Protein backbone atom coordinates (compact mmCIF):
# COMPACT_ATOMS: atom_id res chain seq x y z
CA MET A 1 14.72 222.72 -66.71
CA SER A 2 17.69 222.90 -64.39
CA ILE A 3 18.77 225.76 -62.15
CA GLU A 4 22.45 226.43 -61.68
CA ILE A 5 23.81 228.17 -58.59
CA LYS A 6 27.21 229.77 -59.17
CA GLN A 7 27.81 231.45 -55.83
CA LEU A 8 26.97 230.83 -52.20
CA LEU A 9 26.85 233.82 -49.87
CA ILE A 10 26.67 233.31 -46.12
CA LYS A 11 25.78 236.14 -43.77
CA SER A 12 26.53 235.56 -40.12
CA ASN A 13 26.51 237.38 -36.81
CA ILE A 14 29.06 236.75 -34.08
CA VAL A 15 27.52 236.39 -30.63
CA GLN A 16 29.42 236.23 -27.36
CA ARG A 17 28.48 233.06 -25.45
CA THR A 18 29.15 231.80 -21.95
CA GLU A 19 31.46 228.86 -21.29
CA ASN A 20 28.54 226.46 -20.64
CA GLU A 21 26.89 227.39 -23.92
CA ASP A 22 30.17 226.77 -25.75
CA LEU A 23 30.33 223.20 -24.44
CA GLU A 24 26.76 222.52 -25.58
CA LEU A 25 27.37 224.05 -29.00
CA SER A 26 30.63 222.28 -29.69
CA GLU A 27 28.93 219.11 -30.98
CA GLU A 28 26.38 221.12 -32.96
CA HIS A 29 29.21 223.24 -34.35
CA ARG A 30 31.21 220.18 -35.36
CA LEU A 31 28.23 218.64 -37.17
CA LEU A 32 27.47 221.90 -38.97
CA LYS A 33 31.12 222.24 -39.98
CA GLU A 34 31.18 218.71 -41.39
CA GLU A 35 27.95 219.33 -43.30
CA MET A 36 29.29 222.60 -44.75
CA LEU A 37 32.59 220.99 -45.76
CA ALA A 38 30.78 218.09 -47.44
CA GLU A 39 28.62 220.51 -49.43
CA CYS A 40 31.67 222.57 -50.43
CA ARG A 41 33.47 219.42 -51.59
CA ARG A 42 30.41 218.42 -53.64
CA LEU A 43 30.21 221.87 -55.26
CA ILE A 44 33.93 221.86 -56.09
CA ILE A 45 33.69 218.40 -57.62
CA ASP A 46 30.67 219.52 -59.70
CA ILE A 47 32.54 222.60 -60.93
CA LEU A 48 35.62 220.56 -61.86
CA GLN A 49 33.49 218.00 -63.69
CA GLU A 50 31.70 220.76 -65.64
CA LYS A 51 35.04 222.23 -66.71
CA GLY A 52 36.20 218.78 -67.78
CA ASP A 53 33.04 218.24 -69.84
CA ARG A 54 33.63 221.40 -71.89
């Protein structure tokens, strides 16, 4: 049995950081951004393929 997820909801909180923390987080932020974009691309491709299969 497969489970299909149709929507992704992300809840976030904005936190003020110091300049030093921003430098440390920049690499972590970049990696997270790339991971999120890759997952979004995968989901879009899956949706387009499903519509093509119909």
